[in-house]
């Protein structure tokens, strides 16, 4: 499911390309300064009475050479998958992300999972500077999912 979530994030953002500057599970090359990685992290919830339901906690780590470029990368993903994915309703409200079916490229009858709701645990936060003095921001999301 991590690859499907990464592809979903790629589809919602302009300029992020999977396996180029957006990665699933790990960063394959430490030489890439500006990139994002989508990780599975501890936590989440399963539901005894609804075995097809699981809430996955997904971490997005955004890295760049400067603080503000790393911050901008993290906010770009946050905005794309949580705040700016739909047009405003009649009252001007943009609703949080919900109802995405994965994998995106599959025919409707072949989709296997639905993201019922994407819920960030917080806005993007500065995490650290790595050993090469690149800045990293972290954002954790709960992907409330159901297997179709």
C-alpha atoms as a PDB file:
ATOM      1  CA  UNK A   1       0.000   0.000   0.000  1.00  0.00           C
ATOM      2  CA  UNK A   2       2.985   2.338   0.509  1.00  0.00           C
ATOM      3  CA  UNK A   3       3.714   2.455  -3.240  1.00  0.00           C
ATOM      4  CA  UNK A   4       0.073   3.244  -3.975  1.00  0.00           C
ATOM      5  CA  UNK A   5       0.052   6.054  -1.409  1.00  0.00           C
ATOM      6  CA  UNK A   6       3.270   7.449  -2.908  1.00  0.00           C
ATOM      7  CA  UNK A   7       1.709   7.366  -6.391  1.00  0.00           C
ATOM      8  CA  UNK A   8      -1.359   9.117  -4.977  1.00  0.00           C
ATOM      9  CA  UNK A   9       0.840  11.887  -3.510  1.00  0.00           C
ATOM     10  CA  UNK A  10       2.681  12.197  -6.838  1.00  0.00           C
ATOM     11  CA  UNK A  11      -0.653  12.601  -8.646  1.00  0.00           C
ATOM     12  CA  UNK A  12      -1.739  15.416  -6.338  1.00  0.00           C
ATOM     13  CA  UNK A  13       1.475  17.460  -6.513  1.00  0.00           C
ATOM     14  CA  UNK A  14       3.106  19.304  -9.375  1.00  0.00           C
ATOM     15  CA  UNK A  15       6.803  18.584  -9.894  1.00  0.00           C
ATOM     16  CA  UNK A  16       7.158  15.578  -7.613  1.00  0.00           C
ATOM     17  CA  UNK A  17       8.105  12.488  -9.597  1.00  0.00           C
ATOM     18  CA  UNK A  18       8.171   9.039  -8.066  1.00  0.00           C
ATOM     19  CA  UNK A  19      11.627   7.431  -8.056  1.00  0.00           C
ATOM     20  CA  UNK A  20      13.208  10.779  -9.037  1.00  0.00           C
ATOM     21  CA  UNK A  21      12.531  13.178  -6.141  1.00  0.00           C
ATOM     22  CA  UNK A  22       9.674  11.325  -4.394  1.00  0.00           C
ATOM     23  CA  UNK A  23      10.388   7.913  -2.916  1.00  0.00           C
ATOM     24  CA  UNK A  24       8.460   5.104  -1.247  1.00  0.00           C
ATOM     25  CA  UNK A  25      10.055   3.498   1.800  1.00  0.00           C
ATOM     26  CA  UNK A  26      13.597   4.831   1.532  1.00  0.00           C
ATOM     27  CA  UNK A  27      15.848   7.289  -0.270  1.00  0.00           C
ATOM     28  CA  UNK A  28      17.944   5.181  -2.632  1.00  0.00           C
ATOM     29  CA  UNK A  29      20.709   7.724  -3.168  1.00  0.00           C
ATOM     30  CA  UNK A  30      22.128   9.970  -0.456  1.00  0.00           C
ATOM     31  CA  UNK A  31      23.328  12.413  -3.149  1.00  0.00           C
ATOM     32  CA  UNK A  32      19.825  13.743  -3.853  1.00  0.00           C
ATOM     33  CA  UNK A  33      19.566  16.947  -1.828  1.00  0.00           C
ATOM     34  CA  UNK A  34      15.962  17.968  -2.508  1.00  0.00           C
ATOM     35  CA  UNK A  35      13.537  15.073  -2.160  1.00  0.00           C
ATOM     36  CA  UNK A  36      10.663  13.594  -0.201  1.00  0.00           C
ATOM     37  CA  UNK A  37      10.246  10.076   1.157  1.00  0.00           C
ATOM     38  CA  UNK A  38       6.994   8.402   2.171  1.00  0.00           C
ATOM     39  CA  UNK A  39       7.419   6.046   5.133  1.00  0.00           C
ATOM     40  CA  UNK A  40       5.312   3.685   7.177  1.00  0.00           C
ATOM     41  CA  UNK A  41       5.571   4.577  10.827  1.00  0.00           C
ATOM     42  CA  UNK A  42       4.496   3.112  14.137  1.00  0.00           C
ATOM     43  CA  UNK A  43       0.981   3.468  15.384  1.00  0.00           C
ATOM     44  CA  UNK A  44      -2.279   3.243  13.560  1.00  0.00           C
ATOM     45  CA  UNK A  45      -5.390   1.315  14.423  1.00  0.00           C
ATOM     46  CA  UNK A  46      -7.091  -1.876  13.370  1.00  0.00           C
ATOM     47  CA  UNK A  47     -10.749  -2.609  14.013  1.00  0.00           C
ATOM     48  CA  UNK A  48     -11.866  -5.911  15.510  1.00  0.00           C
ATOM     49  CA  UNK A  49     -15.401  -5.698  14.125  1.00  0.00           C
ATOM     50  CA  UNK A  50     -14.346  -4.363  10.710  1.00  0.00           C
ATOM     51  CA  UNK A  51     -11.349  -6.408   9.568  1.00  0.00           C
ATOM     52  CA  UNK A  52     -11.095  -4.580   6.224  1.00  0.00           C
ATOM     53  CA  UNK A  53     -10.519  -1.257   7.987  1.00  0.00           C
ATOM     54  CA  UNK A  54      -7.113   0.035   9.116  1.00  0.00           C
ATOM     55  CA  UNK A  55      -5.782   3.467   9.948  1.00  0.00           C
ATOM     56  CA  UNK A  56      -2.219   3.708   8.665  1.00  0.00           C
ATOM     57  CA  UNK A  57       0.191   6.292  10.026  1.00  0.00           C
ATOM     58  CA  UNK A  58       2.312   7.610   7.168  1.00  0.00           C
ATOM     59  CA  UNK A  59       5.303   9.921   7.591  1.00  0.00           C
ATOM     60  CA  UNK A  60       6.483  12.297   4.891  1.00  0.00           C
ATOM     61  CA  UNK A  61      10.088  13.467   5.262  1.00  0.00           C
ATOM     62  CA  UNK A  62      10.982  16.440   3.085  1.00  0.00           C
ATOM     63  CA  UNK A  63      14.638  17.380   2.619  1.00  0.00           C
ATOM     64  CA  UNK A  64      16.481  20.287   0.958  1.00  0.00           C
ATOM     65  CA  UNK A  65      19.679  22.340   1.246  1.00  0.00           C
ATOM     66  CA  UNK A  66      17.956  25.257   2.966  1.00  0.00           C
ATOM     67  CA  UNK A  67      15.425  25.449   5.763  1.00  0.00           C
ATOM     68  CA  UNK A  68      12.861  27.298   3.663  1.00  0.00           C
ATOM     69  CA  UNK A  69      13.153  24.995   0.636  1.00  0.00           C
ATOM     70  CA  UNK A  70      12.630  21.908   2.828  1.00  0.00           C
ATOM     71  CA  UNK A  71       9.715  23.643   4.538  1.00  0.00           C
ATOM     72  CA  UNK A  72       8.177  24.551   1.173  1.00  0.00           C
ATOM     73  CA  UNK A  73       8.419  20.920  -0.002  1.00  0.00           C
ATOM     74  CA  UNK A  74       6.625  19.683   3.124  1.00  0.00           C
ATOM     75  CA  UNK A  75       3.892  22.312   2.844  1.00  0.00           C
ATOM     76  CA  UNK A  76       3.441  21.578  -0.869  1.00  0.00           C
ATOM     77  CA  UNK A  77       2.506  17.970  -0.040  1.00  0.00           C
ATOM     78  CA  UNK A  78       0.408  19.007   2.971  1.00  0.00           C
ATOM     79  CA  UNK A  79      -1.575  21.464   0.872  1.00  0.00           C
ATOM     80  CA  UNK A  80      -1.972  19.062  -2.052  1.00  0.00           C
ATOM     81  CA  UNK A  81      -3.234  16.035  -0.144  1.00  0.00           C
ATOM     82  CA  UNK A  82      -5.072  17.757   2.684  1.00  0.00           C
ATOM     83  CA  UNK A  83      -6.055  21.370   2.033  1.00  0.00           C
ATOM     84  CA  UNK A  84      -6.279  22.122  -1.671  1.00  0.00           C
ATOM     85  CA  UNK A  85      -7.514  18.992  -3.388  1.00  0.00           C
ATOM     86  CA  UNK A  86     -11.091  20.166  -4.040  1.00  0.00           C
ATOM     87  CA  UNK A  87     -12.743  23.359  -5.209  1.00  0.00           C
ATOM     88  CA  UNK A  88     -14.423  25.450  -2.497  1.00  0.00           C
ATOM     89  CA  UNK A  89     -18.100  24.713  -1.874  1.00  0.00           C
ATOM     90  CA  UNK A  90     -20.855  27.358  -2.009  1.00  0.00           C
ATOM     91  CA  UNK A  91     -19.684  28.758   1.345  1.00  0.00           C
ATOM     92  CA  UNK A  92     -16.041  28.942   0.260  1.00  0.00           C
ATOM     93  CA  UNK A  93     -14.980  25.982   2.409  1.00  0.00           C
ATOM     94  CA  UNK A  94     -12.434  23.484   1.086  1.00  0.00           C
ATOM     95  CA  UNK A  95     -13.106  20.144   2.759  1.00  0.00           C
ATOM     96  CA  UNK A  96     -10.371  17.780   3.960  1.00  0.00           C
ATOM     97  CA  UNK A  97      -9.265  14.980   1.694  1.00  0.00           C
ATOM     98  CA  UNK A  98     -11.598  11.981   1.490  1.00  0.00           C
ATOM     99  CA  UNK A  99     -12.900   9.265  -0.798  1.00  0.00           C
ATOM    100  CA  UNK A 100      -9.790   8.429  -2.857  1.00  0.00           C
ATOM    101  CA  UNK A 101      -9.740   4.931  -4.399  1.00  0.00           C
ATOM    102  CA  UNK A 102      -6.421   3.168  -5.030  1.00  0.00           C
ATOM    103  CA  UNK A 103      -4.539   2.181  -7.059  1.00  0.00           C
ATOM    104  CA  UNK A 104      -5.213   5.281  -9.120  1.00  0.00           C
ATOM    105  CA  UNK A 105      -4.330   3.752 -12.512  1.00  0.00           C
ATOM    106  CA  UNK A 106      -6.650   0.756 -12.080  1.00  0.00           C
ATOM    107  CA  UNK A 107     -10.094   0.567 -13.636  1.00  0.00           C
ATOM    108  CA  UNK A 108     -12.837   1.448 -11.141  1.00  0.00           C
ATOM    109  CA  UNK A 109     -13.800  -2.199 -10.623  1.00  0.00           C
ATOM    110  CA  UNK A 110     -10.151  -3.156 -10.000  1.00  0.00           C
ATOM    111  CA  UNK A 111      -9.435  -0.660  -7.232  1.00  0.00           C
ATOM    112  CA  UNK A 112      -8.541  -2.420  -3.992  1.00  0.00           C
ATOM    113  CA  UNK A 113      -8.536   0.260  -1.272  1.00  0.00           C
ATOM    114  CA  UNK A 114     -10.290   3.484  -0.408  1.00  0.00           C
ATOM    115  CA  UNK A 115      -8.729   6.309   1.549  1.00  0.00           C
ATOM    116  CA  UNK A 116     -11.778   7.355   3.522  1.00  0.00           C
ATOM    117  CA  UNK A 117     -10.038  10.335   5.143  1.00  0.00           C
ATOM    118  CA  UNK A 118      -6.505  11.753   5.267  1.00  0.00           C
ATOM    119  CA  UNK A 119      -5.898  13.401   8.620  1.00  0.00           C
ATOM    120  CA  UNK A 120      -2.592  15.135   9.446  1.00  0.00           C
ATOM    121  CA  UNK A 121      -1.455  14.750  13.048  1.00  0.00           C
ATOM    122  CA  UNK A 122       0.033  18.265  12.818  1.00  0.00           C
ATOM    123  CA  UNK A 123       1.240  20.722  10.220  1.00  0.00           C
ATOM    124  CA  UNK A 124       4.759  20.161   8.783  1.00  0.00           C
ATOM    125  CA  UNK A 125       7.388  20.417  11.505  1.00  0.00           C
ATOM    126  CA  UNK A 126      11.145  20.996  11.380  1.00  0.00           C
ATOM    127  CA  UNK A 127      12.802  17.687  12.251  1.00  0.00           C
ATOM    128  CA  UNK A 128      16.564  18.119  11.996  1.00  0.00           C
ATOM    129  CA  UNK A 129      19.635  18.846   9.940  1.00  0.00           C
ATOM    130  CA  UNK A 130      21.289  15.685   8.653  1.00  0.00           C
ATOM    131  CA  UNK A 131      25.022  14.909   8.599  1.00  0.00           C
ATOM    132  CA  UNK A 132      25.344  16.815   5.285  1.00  0.00           C
ATOM    133  CA  UNK A 133      23.608  19.851   6.847  1.00  0.00           C
ATOM    134  CA  UNK A 134      20.453  19.408   4.768  1.00  0.00           C
ATOM    135  CA  UNK A 135      17.236  20.440   6.467  1.00  0.00           C
ATOM    136  CA  UNK A 136      14.389  17.994   7.028  1.00  0.00           C
ATOM    137  CA  UNK A 137      10.725  18.558   7.773  1.00  0.00           C
ATOM    138  CA  UNK A 138       8.382  15.827   8.910  1.00  0.00           C
ATOM    139  CA  UNK A 139       4.632  15.490   8.643  1.00  0.00           C
ATOM    140  CA  UNK A 140       2.632  12.527   9.911  1.00  0.00           C
ATOM    141  CA  UNK A 141      -0.751  11.641   8.488  1.00  0.00           C
ATOM    142  CA  UNK A 142      -3.395   9.094   9.406  1.00  0.00           C
ATOM    143  CA  UNK A 143      -4.693   7.441   6.248  1.00  0.00           C
ATOM    144  CA  UNK A 144      -8.056   6.017   7.314  1.00  0.00           C
ATOM    145  CA  UNK A 145      -8.378   3.144   4.838  1.00  0.00           C
ATOM    146  CA  UNK A 146     -10.707   0.326   3.961  1.00  0.00           C
ATOM    147  CA  UNK A 147     -10.015  -2.680   1.747  1.00  0.00           C
ATOM    148  CA  UNK A 148     -12.685  -2.888  -0.945  1.00  0.00           C
END
